[in-house]
Amino acid sequence: VCLAGRPARMTGVGDGLHPLAHPLPPAAL
């Protein structure tokens, strides 16, 4: 998921990477 470098849903043992159907809204952490 770090190699992909984009928000995603990660499943399994890290091998399931699912791009988000909708982008996350602007926010800060």
mmCIF file of all heavy atoms, coordinates in Angstrom:
data_MODEL
# 
_entry.id   MODEL 
# 
loop_
_atom_site.group_PDB 
_atom_site.id 
_atom_site.type_symbol 
_atom_site.label_atom_id 
_atom_site.label_alt_id 
_atom_site.label_comp_id 
_atom_site.label_asym_id 
_atom_site.label_entity_id 
_atom_site.label_seq_id 
_atom_site.pdbx_PDB_ins_code 
_atom_site.Cartn_x 
_atom_site.Cartn_y 
_atom_site.Cartn_z 
_atom_site.occupancy 
_atom_site.B_iso_or_equiv 
_atom_site.pdbx_formal_charge 
_atom_site.auth_seq_id 
_atom_site.auth_comp_id 
_atom_site.auth_asym_id 
_atom_site.auth_atom_id 
_atom_site.pdbx_PDB_model_num 
ATOM 1   N N   . VAL A 1 1  ? 0.835   -1.204  0.000  1.00 0.00 ? 1  VAL A N   1 
ATOM 2   C CA  . VAL A 1 1  ? 0.000   0.000   0.000  1.00 0.00 ? 1  VAL A CA  1 
ATOM 3   C C   . VAL A 1 1  ? 0.867   1.250   0.000  1.00 0.00 ? 1  VAL A C   1 
ATOM 4   O O   . VAL A 1 1  ? 0.513   2.266   -0.617 1.00 0.00 ? 1  VAL A O   1 
ATOM 5   C CB  . VAL A 1 1  ? -1.003  -0.013  1.179  1.00 0.00 ? 1  VAL A CB  1 
ATOM 6   C CG1 . VAL A 1 1  ? -0.330  0.267   2.511  1.00 0.00 ? 1  VAL A CG1 1 
ATOM 7   C CG2 . VAL A 1 1  ? -2.128  0.990   0.946  1.00 0.00 ? 1  VAL A CG2 1 
ATOM 8   N N   . CYS A 1 2  ? 2.025   1.195   0.656  1.00 0.00 ? 2  CYS A N   1 
ATOM 9   C CA  . CYS A 1 2  ? 2.945   2.334   0.615  1.00 0.00 ? 2  CYS A CA  1 
ATOM 10  C C   . CYS A 1 2  ? 3.529   2.518   -0.776 1.00 0.00 ? 2  CYS A C   1 
ATOM 11  O O   . CYS A 1 2  ? 3.762   3.649   -1.220 1.00 0.00 ? 2  CYS A O   1 
ATOM 12  C CB  . CYS A 1 2  ? 4.059   2.150   1.639  1.00 0.00 ? 2  CYS A CB  1 
ATOM 13  S SG  . CYS A 1 2  ? 3.526   2.312   3.369  1.00 0.00 ? 2  CYS A SG  1 
ATOM 14  N N   . LEU A 1 3  ? 3.754   1.419   -1.480 1.00 0.00 ? 3  LEU A N   1 
ATOM 15  C CA  . LEU A 1 3  ? 4.266   1.509   -2.842 1.00 0.00 ? 3  LEU A CA  1 
ATOM 16  C C   . LEU A 1 3  ? 3.222   2.132   -3.765 1.00 0.00 ? 3  LEU A C   1 
ATOM 17  O O   . LEU A 1 3  ? 3.554   2.931   -4.654 1.00 0.00 ? 3  LEU A O   1 
ATOM 18  C CB  . LEU A 1 3  ? 4.673   0.124   -3.335 1.00 0.00 ? 3  LEU A CB  1 
ATOM 19  C CG  . LEU A 1 3  ? 5.398   0.031   -4.677 1.00 0.00 ? 3  LEU A CG  1 
ATOM 20  C CD1 . LEU A 1 3  ? 6.683   0.852   -4.671 1.00 0.00 ? 3  LEU A CD1 1 
ATOM 21  C CD2 . LEU A 1 3  ? 5.704   -1.421  -5.008 1.00 0.00 ? 3  LEU A CD2 1 
ATOM 22  N N   . ALA A 1 4  ? 1.953   1.796   -3.557 1.00 0.00 ? 4  ALA A N   1 
ATOM 23  C CA  . ALA A 1 4  ? 0.878   2.409   -4.345 1.00 0.00 ? 4  ALA A CA  1 
ATOM 24  C C   . ALA A 1 4  ? 0.758   3.895   -4.018 1.00 0.00 ? 4  ALA A C   1 
ATOM 25  O O   . ALA A 1 4  ? 0.520   4.724   -4.903 1.00 0.00 ? 4  ALA A O   1 
ATOM 26  C CB  . ALA A 1 4  ? -0.432  1.689   -4.098 1.00 0.00 ? 4  ALA A CB  1 
ATOM 27  N N   . GLY A 1 5  ? 0.895   4.237   -2.734 1.00 0.00 ? 5  GLY A N   1 
ATOM 28  C CA  . GLY A 1 5  ? 0.980   5.631   -2.326 1.00 0.00 ? 5  GLY A CA  1 
ATOM 29  C C   . GLY A 1 5  ? -0.301  6.429   -2.388 1.00 0.00 ? 5  GLY A C   1 
ATOM 30  O O   . GLY A 1 5  ? -0.269  7.662   -2.368 1.00 0.00 ? 5  GLY A O   1 
ATOM 31  N N   . ARG A 1 6  ? -1.445  5.760   -2.458 1.00 0.00 ? 6  ARG A N   1 
ATOM 32  C CA  . ARG A 1 6  ? -2.727  6.461   -2.519 1.00 0.00 ? 6  ARG A CA  1 
ATOM 33  C C   . ARG A 1 6  ? -3.681  5.848   -1.500 1.00 0.00 ? 6  ARG A C   1 
ATOM 34  O O   . ARG A 1 6  ? -3.537  4.668   -1.141 1.00 0.00 ? 6  ARG A O   1 
ATOM 35  C CB  . ARG A 1 6  ? -3.348  6.351   -3.920 1.00 0.00 ? 6  ARG A CB  1 
ATOM 36  C CG  . ARG A 1 6  ? -2.494  6.984   -5.023 1.00 0.00 ? 6  ARG A CG  1 
ATOM 37  C CD  . ARG A 1 6  ? -3.191  6.914   -6.367 1.00 0.00 ? 6  ARG A CD  1 
ATOM 38  N NE  . ARG A 1 6  ? -4.422  7.692   -6.368 1.00 0.00 ? 6  ARG A NE  1 
ATOM 39  C CZ  . ARG A 1 6  ? -4.468  9.012   -6.589 1.00 0.00 ? 6  ARG A CZ  1 
ATOM 40  N NH1 . ARG A 1 6  ? -3.349  9.681   -6.790 1.00 0.00 ? 6  ARG A NH1 1 
ATOM 41  N NH2 . ARG A 1 6  ? -5.619  9.647   -6.607 1.00 0.00 ? 6  ARG A NH2 1 
ATOM 42  N N   . PRO A 1 7  ? -4.662  6.627   -1.025 1.00 0.00 ? 7  PRO A N   1 
ATOM 43  C CA  . PRO A 1 7  ? -5.649  6.054   -0.100 1.00 0.00 ? 7  PRO A CA  1 
ATOM 44  C C   . PRO A 1 7  ? -6.273  4.793   -0.686 1.00 0.00 ? 7  PRO A C   1 
ATOM 45  O O   . PRO A 1 7  ? -6.565  4.735   -1.884 1.00 0.00 ? 7  PRO A O   1 
ATOM 46  C CB  . PRO A 1 7  ? -6.686  7.173   0.060  1.00 0.00 ? 7  PRO A CB  1 
ATOM 47  C CG  . PRO A 1 7  ? -5.942  8.426   -0.254 1.00 0.00 ? 7  PRO A CG  1 
ATOM 48  C CD  . PRO A 1 7  ? -4.948  8.050   -1.319 1.00 0.00 ? 7  PRO A CD  1 
ATOM 49  N N   . ALA A 1 8  ? -6.447  3.786   0.146  1.00 0.00 ? 8  ALA A N   1 
ATOM 50  C CA  . ALA A 1 8  ? -6.962  2.507   -0.346 1.00 0.00 ? 8  ALA A CA  1 
ATOM 51  C C   . ALA A 1 8  ? -7.556  1.726   0.808  1.00 0.00 ? 8  ALA A C   1 
ATOM 52  O O   . ALA A 1 8  ? -7.276  1.992   1.985  1.00 0.00 ? 8  ALA A O   1 
ATOM 53  C CB  . ALA A 1 8  ? -5.842  1.693   -0.999 1.00 0.00 ? 8  ALA A CB  1 
ATOM 54  N N   . ARG A 1 9  ? -8.357  0.753   0.460  1.00 0.00 ? 9  ARG A N   1 
ATOM 55  C CA  . ARG A 1 9  ? -8.816  -0.244  1.424  1.00 0.00 ? 9  ARG A CA  1 
ATOM 56  C C   . ARG A 1 9  ? -7.867  -1.432  1.315  1.00 0.00 ? 9  ARG A C   1 
ATOM 57  O O   . ARG A 1 9  ? -7.680  -1.983  0.236  1.00 0.00 ? 9  ARG A O   1 
ATOM 58  C CB  . ARG A 1 9  ? -10.251 -0.669  1.117  1.00 0.00 ? 9  ARG A CB  1 
ATOM 59  C CG  . ARG A 1 9  ? -10.826 -1.648  2.128  1.00 0.00 ? 9  ARG A CG  1 
ATOM 60  C CD  . ARG A 1 9  ? -12.287 -1.931  1.819  1.00 0.00 ? 9  ARG A CD  1 
ATOM 61  N NE  . ARG A 1 9  ? -12.929 -2.688  2.886  1.00 0.00 ? 9  ARG A NE  1 
ATOM 62  C CZ  . ARG A 1 9  ? -14.251 -2.829  3.001  1.00 0.00 ? 9  ARG A CZ  1 
ATOM 63  N NH1 . ARG A 1 9  ? -15.052 -2.264  2.094  1.00 0.00 ? 9  ARG A NH1 1 
ATOM 64  N NH2 . ARG A 1 9  ? -14.770 -3.518  4.009  1.00 0.00 ? 9  ARG A NH2 1 
ATOM 65  N N   . MET A 1 10 ? -7.263  -1.791  2.434  1.00 0.00 ? 10 MET A N   1 
ATOM 66  C CA  . MET A 1 10 ? -6.289  -2.874  2.460  1.00 0.00 ? 10 MET A CA  1 
ATOM 67  C C   . MET A 1 10 ? -6.907  -4.071  3.177  1.00 0.00 ? 10 MET A C   1 
ATOM 68  O O   . MET A 1 10 ? -7.400  -3.938  4.300  1.00 0.00 ? 10 MET A O   1 
ATOM 69  C CB  . MET A 1 10 ? -5.015  -2.425  3.183  1.00 0.00 ? 10 MET A CB  1 
ATOM 70  C CG  . MET A 1 10 ? -3.914  -3.471  3.221  1.00 0.00 ? 10 MET A CG  1 
ATOM 71  S SD  . MET A 1 10 ? -2.405  -2.831  4.024  1.00 0.00 ? 10 MET A SD  1 
ATOM 72  C CE  . MET A 1 10 ? -2.929  -2.804  5.757  1.00 0.00 ? 10 MET A CE  1 
ATOM 73  N N   . THR A 1 11 ? -6.894  -5.231  2.537  1.00 0.00 ? 11 THR A N   1 
ATOM 74  C CA  . THR A 1 11 ? -7.500  -6.422  3.121  1.00 0.00 ? 11 THR A CA  1 
ATOM 75  C C   . THR A 1 11 ? -6.504  -7.578  3.097  1.00 0.00 ? 11 THR A C   1 
ATOM 76  O O   . THR A 1 11 ? -5.401  -7.467  2.570  1.00 0.00 ? 11 THR A O   1 
ATOM 77  C CB  . THR A 1 11 ? -8.778  -6.820  2.359  1.00 0.00 ? 11 THR A CB  1 
ATOM 78  O OG1 . THR A 1 11 ? -8.448  -7.069  0.983  1.00 0.00 ? 11 THR A OG1 1 
ATOM 79  C CG2 . THR A 1 11 ? -9.829  -5.729  2.434  1.00 0.00 ? 11 THR A CG2 1 
ATOM 80  N N   . GLY A 1 12 ? -6.941  -8.693  3.669  1.00 0.00 ? 12 GLY A N   1 
ATOM 81  C CA  . GLY A 1 12 ? -6.085  -9.877  3.730  1.00 0.00 ? 12 GLY A CA  1 
ATOM 82  C C   . GLY A 1 12 ? -4.882  -9.626  4.622  1.00 0.00 ? 12 GLY A C   1 
ATOM 83  O O   . GLY A 1 12 ? -5.000  -9.048  5.709  1.00 0.00 ? 12 GLY A O   1 
ATOM 84  N N   . VAL A 1 13 ? -3.718  -10.049 4.176  1.00 0.00 ? 13 VAL A N   1 
ATOM 85  C CA  . VAL A 1 13 ? -2.481  -9.825  4.936  1.00 0.00 ? 13 VAL A CA  1 
ATOM 86  C C   . VAL A 1 13 ? -1.710  -8.643  4.366  1.00 0.00 ? 13 VAL A C   1 
ATOM 87  O O   . VAL A 1 13 ? -0.505  -8.507  4.568  1.00 0.00 ? 13 VAL A O   1 
ATOM 88  C CB  . VAL A 1 13 ? -1.603  -11.095 4.942  1.00 0.00 ? 13 VAL A CB  1 
ATOM 89  C CG1 . VAL A 1 13 ? -2.278  -12.221 5.686  1.00 0.00 ? 13 VAL A CG1 1 
ATOM 90  C CG2 . VAL A 1 13 ? -1.227  -11.509 3.514  1.00 0.00 ? 13 VAL A CG2 1 
ATOM 91  N N   . GLY A 1 14 ? -2.433  -7.769  3.662  1.00 0.00 ? 14 GLY A N   1 
ATOM 92  C CA  . GLY A 1 14 ? -1.824  -6.636  2.999  1.00 0.00 ? 14 GLY A CA  1 
ATOM 93  C C   . GLY A 1 14 ? -1.773  -6.803  1.500  1.00 0.00 ? 14 GLY A C   1 
ATOM 94  O O   . GLY A 1 14 ? -1.397  -5.876  0.782  1.00 0.00 ? 14 GLY A O   1 
ATOM 95  N N   . ASP A 1 15 ? -2.182  -7.992  1.024  1.00 0.00 ? 15 ASP A N   1 
ATOM 96  C CA  . ASP A 1 15 ? -2.119  -8.278  -0.406 1.00 0.00 ? 15 ASP A CA  1 
ATOM 97  C C   . ASP A 1 15 ? -3.348  -7.803  -1.158 1.00 0.00 ? 15 ASP A C   1 
ATOM 98  O O   . ASP A 1 15 ? -3.323  -7.713  -2.392 1.00 0.00 ? 15 ASP A O   1 
ATOM 99  C CB  . ASP A 1 15 ? -1.913  -9.774  -0.640 1.00 0.00 ? 15 ASP A CB  1 
ATOM 100 C CG  . ASP A 1 15 ? -2.972  -10.633 0.069  1.00 0.00 ? 15 ASP A CG  1 
ATOM 101 O OD1 . ASP A 1 15 ? -3.569  -10.142 1.054  1.00 0.00 ? 15 ASP A OD1 1 
ATOM 102 O OD2 . ASP A 1 15 ? -3.181  -11.782 -0.333 1.00 0.00 ? 15 ASP A OD2 1 
ATOM 103 N N   . GLY A 1 16 ? -4.419  -7.506  -0.448 1.00 0.00 ? 16 GLY A N   1 
ATOM 104 C CA  . GLY A 1 16 ? -5.624  -7.002  -1.098 1.00 0.00 ? 16 GLY A CA  1 
ATOM 105 C C   . GLY A 1 16 ? -5.655  -5.486  -1.055 1.00 0.00 ? 16 GLY A C   1 
ATOM 106 O O   . GLY A 1 16 ? -5.854  -4.900  0.014  1.00 0.00 ? 16 GLY A O   1 
ATOM 107 N N   . LEU A 1 17 ? -5.437  -4.839  -2.181 1.00 0.00 ? 17 LEU A N   1 
ATOM 108 C CA  . LEU A 1 17 ? -5.474  -3.380  -2.273 1.00 0.00 ? 17 LEU A CA  1 
ATOM 109 C C   . LEU A 1 17 ? -6.625  -2.970  -3.175 1.00 0.00 ? 17 LEU A C   1 
ATOM 110 O O   . LEU A 1 17 ? -6.668  -3.350  -4.351 1.00 0.00 ? 17 LEU A O   1 
ATOM 111 C CB  . LEU A 1 17 ? -4.159  -2.828  -2.821 1.00 0.00 ? 17 LEU A CB  1 
ATOM 112 C CG  . LEU A 1 17 ? -2.931  -2.971  -1.925 1.00 0.00 ? 17 LEU A CG  1 
ATOM 113 C CD1 . LEU A 1 17 ? -1.728  -2.300  -2.574 1.00 0.00 ? 17 LEU A CD1 1 
ATOM 114 C CD2 . LEU A 1 17 ? -3.191  -2.370  -0.551 1.00 0.00 ? 17 LEU A CD2 1 
ATOM 115 N N   . HIS A 1 18 ? -7.539  -2.185  -2.632 1.00 0.00 ? 18 HIS A N   1 
ATOM 116 C CA  . HIS A 1 18 ? -8.746  -1.812  -3.348 1.00 0.00 ? 18 HIS A CA  1 
ATOM 117 C C   . HIS A 1 18 ? -8.821  -0.286  -3.416 1.00 0.00 ? 18 HIS A C   1 
ATOM 118 O O   . HIS A 1 18 ? -9.039  0.365   -2.382 1.00 0.00 ? 18 HIS A O   1 
ATOM 119 C CB  . HIS A 1 18 ? -9.979  -2.377  -2.644 1.00 0.00 ? 18 HIS A CB  1 
ATOM 120 C CG  . HIS A 1 18 ? -9.844  -3.834  -2.274 1.00 0.00 ? 18 HIS A CG  1 
ATOM 121 N ND1 . HIS A 1 18 ? -10.063 -4.849  -3.179 1.00 0.00 ? 18 HIS A ND1 1 
ATOM 122 C CD2 . HIS A 1 18 ? -9.459  -4.429  -1.116 1.00 0.00 ? 18 HIS A CD2 1 
ATOM 123 C CE1 . HIS A 1 18 ? -9.853  -6.022  -2.581 1.00 0.00 ? 18 HIS A CE1 1 
ATOM 124 N NE2 . HIS A 1 18 ? -9.483  -5.788  -1.336 1.00 0.00 ? 18 HIS A NE2 1 
ATOM 125 N N   . PRO A 1 19 ? -8.651  0.306   -4.599 1.00 0.00 ? 19 PRO A N   1 
ATOM 126 C CA  . PRO A 1 19 ? -8.785  1.762   -4.720 1.00 0.00 ? 19 PRO A CA  1 
ATOM 127 C C   . PRO A 1 19 ? -10.161 2.213   -4.241 1.00 0.00 ? 19 PRO A C   1 
ATOM 128 O O   . PRO A 1 19 ? -11.155 1.498   -4.406 1.00 0.00 ? 19 PRO A O   1 
ATOM 129 C CB  . PRO A 1 19 ? -8.599  2.014   -6.218 1.00 0.00 ? 19 PRO A CB  1 
ATOM 130 C CG  . PRO A 1 19 ? -7.856  0.810   -6.723 1.00 0.00 ? 19 PRO A CG  1 
ATOM 131 C CD  . PRO A 1 19 ? -8.323  -0.342  -5.878 1.00 0.00 ? 19 PRO A CD  1 
ATOM 132 N N   . LEU A 1 20 ? -10.212 3.389   -3.662 1.00 0.00 ? 20 LEU A N   1 
ATOM 133 C CA  . LEU A 1 20 ? -11.483 3.895   -3.154 1.00 0.00 ? 20 LEU A CA  1 
ATOM 134 C C   . LEU A 1 20 ? -12.365 4.338   -4.318 1.00 0.00 ? 20 LEU A C   1 
ATOM 135 O O   . LEU A 1 20 ? -11.904 4.984   -5.266 1.00 0.00 ? 20 LEU A O   1 
ATOM 136 C CB  . LEU A 1 20 ? -11.241 5.065   -2.201 1.00 0.00 ? 20 LEU A CB  1 
ATOM 137 C CG  . LEU A 1 20 ? -10.359 4.770   -0.984 1.00 0.00 ? 20 LEU A CG  1 
ATOM 138 C CD1 . LEU A 1 20 ? -10.284 5.993   -0.076 1.00 0.00 ? 20 LEU A CD1 1 
ATOM 139 C CD2 . LEU A 1 20 ? -10.870 3.555   -0.213 1.00 0.00 ? 20 LEU A CD2 1 
ATOM 140 N N   . ALA A 1 21 ? -13.643 4.001   -4.232 1.00 0.00 ? 21 ALA A N   1 
ATOM 141 C CA  . ALA A 1 21 ? -14.577 4.409   -5.276 1.00 0.00 ? 21 ALA A CA  1 
ATOM 142 C C   . ALA A 1 21 ? -14.764 5.917   -5.292 1.00 0.00 ? 21 ALA A C   1 
ATOM 143 O O   . ALA A 1 21 ? -15.049 6.507   -6.340 1.00 0.00 ? 21 ALA A O   1 
ATOM 144 C CB  . ALA A 1 21 ? -15.921 3.717   -5.066 1.00 0.00 ? 21 ALA A CB  1 
ATOM 145 N N   . HIS A 1 22 ? -14.600 6.538   -4.125 1.00 0.00 ? 22 HIS A N   1 
ATOM 146 C CA  . HIS A 1 22 ? -14.747 7.984   -4.003 1.00 0.00 ? 22 HIS A CA  1 
ATOM 147 C C   . HIS A 1 22 ? -13.543 8.523   -3.241 1.00 0.00 ? 22 HIS A C   1 
ATOM 148 O O   . HIS A 1 22 ? -13.122 7.927   -2.238 1.00 0.00 ? 22 HIS A O   1 
ATOM 149 C CB  . HIS A 1 22 ? -16.038 8.339   -3.260 1.00 0.00 ? 22 HIS A CB  1 
ATOM 150 C CG  . HIS A 1 22 ? -17.256 7.638   -3.787 1.00 0.00 ? 22 HIS A CG  1 
ATOM 151 N ND1 . HIS A 1 22 ? -17.822 7.961   -4.995 1.00 0.00 ? 22 HIS A ND1 1 
ATOM 152 C CD2 . HIS A 1 22 ? -17.990 6.630   -3.261 1.00 0.00 ? 22 HIS A CD2 1 
ATOM 153 C CE1 . HIS A 1 22 ? -18.873 7.181   -5.197 1.00 0.00 ? 22 HIS A CE1 1 
ATOM 154 N NE2 . HIS A 1 22 ? -18.991 6.362   -4.166 1.00 0.00 ? 22 HIS A NE2 1 
ATOM 155 N N   . PRO A 1 23 ? -12.979 9.649   -3.641 1.00 0.00 ? 23 PRO A N   1 
ATOM 156 C CA  . PRO A 1 23 ? -11.818 10.188  -2.929 1.00 0.00 ? 23 PRO A CA  1 
ATOM 157 C C   . PRO A 1 23 ? -12.191 10.641  -1.525 1.00 0.00 ? 23 PRO A C   1 
ATOM 158 O O   . PRO A 1 23 ? -13.347 11.002  -1.249 1.00 0.00 ? 23 PRO A O   1 
ATOM 159 C CB  . PRO A 1 23 ? -11.390 11.373  -3.804 1.00 0.00 ? 23 PRO A CB  1 
ATOM 160 C CG  . PRO A 1 23 ? -12.628 11.766  -4.556 1.00 0.00 ? 23 PRO A CG  1 
ATOM 161 C CD  . PRO A 1 23 ? -13.366 10.490  -4.789 1.00 0.00 ? 23 PRO A CD  1 
ATOM 162 N N   . LEU A 1 24 ? -11.225 10.603  -0.636 1.00 0.00 ? 24 LEU A N   1 
ATOM 163 C CA  . LEU A 1 24 ? -11.452 11.143  0.696  1.00 0.00 ? 24 LEU A CA  1 
ATOM 164 C C   . LEU A 1 24 ? -11.563 12.656  0.619  1.00 0.00 ? 24 LEU A C   1 
ATOM 165 O O   . LEU A 1 24 ? -10.904 13.296  -0.212 1.00 0.00 ? 24 LEU A O   1 
ATOM 166 C CB  . LEU A 1 24 ? -10.292 10.759  1.626  1.00 0.00 ? 24 LEU A CB  1 
ATOM 167 C CG  . LEU A 1 24 ? -10.129 9.272   1.932  1.00 0.00 ? 24 LEU A CG  1 
ATOM 168 C CD1 . LEU A 1 24 ? -8.885  9.044   2.787  1.00 0.00 ? 24 LEU A CD1 1 
ATOM 169 C CD2 . LEU A 1 24 ? -11.361 8.708   2.624  1.00 0.00 ? 24 LEU A CD2 1 
ATOM 170 N N   . PRO A 1 25 ? -12.380 13.261  1.462  1.00 0.00 ? 25 PRO A N   1 
ATOM 171 C CA  . PRO A 1 25 ? -12.510 14.717  1.421  1.00 0.00 ? 25 PRO A CA  1 
ATOM 172 C C   . PRO A 1 25 ? -11.249 15.387  1.970  1.00 0.00 ? 25 PRO A C   1 
ATOM 173 O O   . PRO A 1 25 ? -10.475 14.772  2.708  1.00 0.00 ? 25 PRO A O   1 
ATOM 174 C CB  . PRO A 1 25 ? -13.714 14.971  2.333  1.00 0.00 ? 25 PRO A CB  1 
ATOM 175 C CG  . PRO A 1 25 ? -13.712 13.827  3.292  1.00 0.00 ? 25 PRO A CG  1 
ATOM 176 C CD  . PRO A 1 25 ? -13.235 12.645  2.488  1.00 0.00 ? 25 PRO A CD  1 
ATOM 177 N N   . PRO A 1 26 ? -11.006 16.651  1.630  1.00 0.00 ? 26 PRO A N   1 
ATOM 178 C CA  . PRO A 1 26 ? -9.870  17.369  2.206  1.00 0.00 ? 26 PRO A CA  1 
ATOM 179 C C   . PRO A 1 26 ? -9.953  17.389  3.727  1.00 0.00 ? 26 PRO A C   1 
ATOM 180 O O   . PRO A 1 26 ? -11.025 17.610  4.304  1.00 0.00 ? 26 PRO A O   1 
ATOM 181 C CB  . PRO A 1 26 ? -10.003 18.780  1.619  1.00 0.00 ? 26 PRO A CB  1 
ATOM 182 C CG  . PRO A 1 26 ? -10.816 18.601  0.364  1.00 0.00 ? 26 PRO A CG  1 
ATOM 183 C CD  . PRO A 1 26 ? -11.763 17.474  0.667  1.00 0.00 ? 26 PRO A CD  1 
ATOM 184 N N   . ALA A 1 27 ? -8.830  17.141  4.372  1.00 0.00 ? 27 ALA A N   1 
ATOM 185 C CA  . ALA A 1 27 ? -8.771  17.105  5.835  1.00 0.00 ? 27 ALA A CA  1 
ATOM 186 C C   . ALA A 1 27 ? -7.314  17.247  6.246  1.00 0.00 ? 27 ALA A C   1 
ATOM 187 O O   . ALA A 1 27 ? -6.402  17.181  5.420  1.00 0.00 ? 27 ALA A O   1 
ATOM 188 C CB  . ALA A 1 27 ? -9.357  15.796  6.376  1.00 0.00 ? 27 ALA A CB  1 
ATOM 189 N N   . ALA A 1 28 ? -7.112  17.466  7.522  1.00 0.00 ? 28 ALA A N   1 
ATOM 190 C CA  . ALA A 1 28 ? -5.761  17.565  8.058  1.00 0.00 ? 28 ALA A CA  1 
ATOM 191 C C   . ALA A 1 28 ? -5.654  16.701  9.298  1.00 0.00 ? 28 ALA A C   1 
ATOM 192 O O   . ALA A 1 28 ? -6.651  16.421  9.977  1.00 0.00 ? 28 ALA A O   1 
ATOM 193 C CB  . ALA A 1 28 ? -5.411  19.013  8.391  1.00 0.00 ? 28 ALA A CB  1 
ATOM 194 N N   . LEU A 1 29 ? -4.434  16.267  9.568  1.00 0.00 ? 29 LEU A N   1 
ATOM 195 C CA  . LEU A 1 29 ? -4.169  15.411  10.721 1.00 0.00 ? 29 LEU A CA  1 
ATOM 196 C C   . LEU A 1 29 ? -3.136  16.058  11.629 1.00 0.00 ? 29 LEU A C   1 
ATOM 197 O O   . LEU A 1 29 ? -2.262  16.798  11.173 1.00 0.00 ? 29 LEU A O   1 
ATOM 198 C CB  . LEU A 1 29 ? -3.625  14.050  10.276 1.00 0.00 ? 29 LEU A CB  1 
ATOM 199 C CG  . LEU A 1 29 ? -4.499  13.181  9.376  1.00 0.00 ? 29 LEU A CG  1 
ATOM 200 C CD1 . LEU A 1 29 ? -3.743  11.912  9.002  1.00 0.00 ? 29 LEU A CD1 1 
ATOM 201 C CD2 . LEU A 1 29 ? -5.816  12.845  10.055 1.00 0.00 ? 29 LEU A CD2 1 
# 
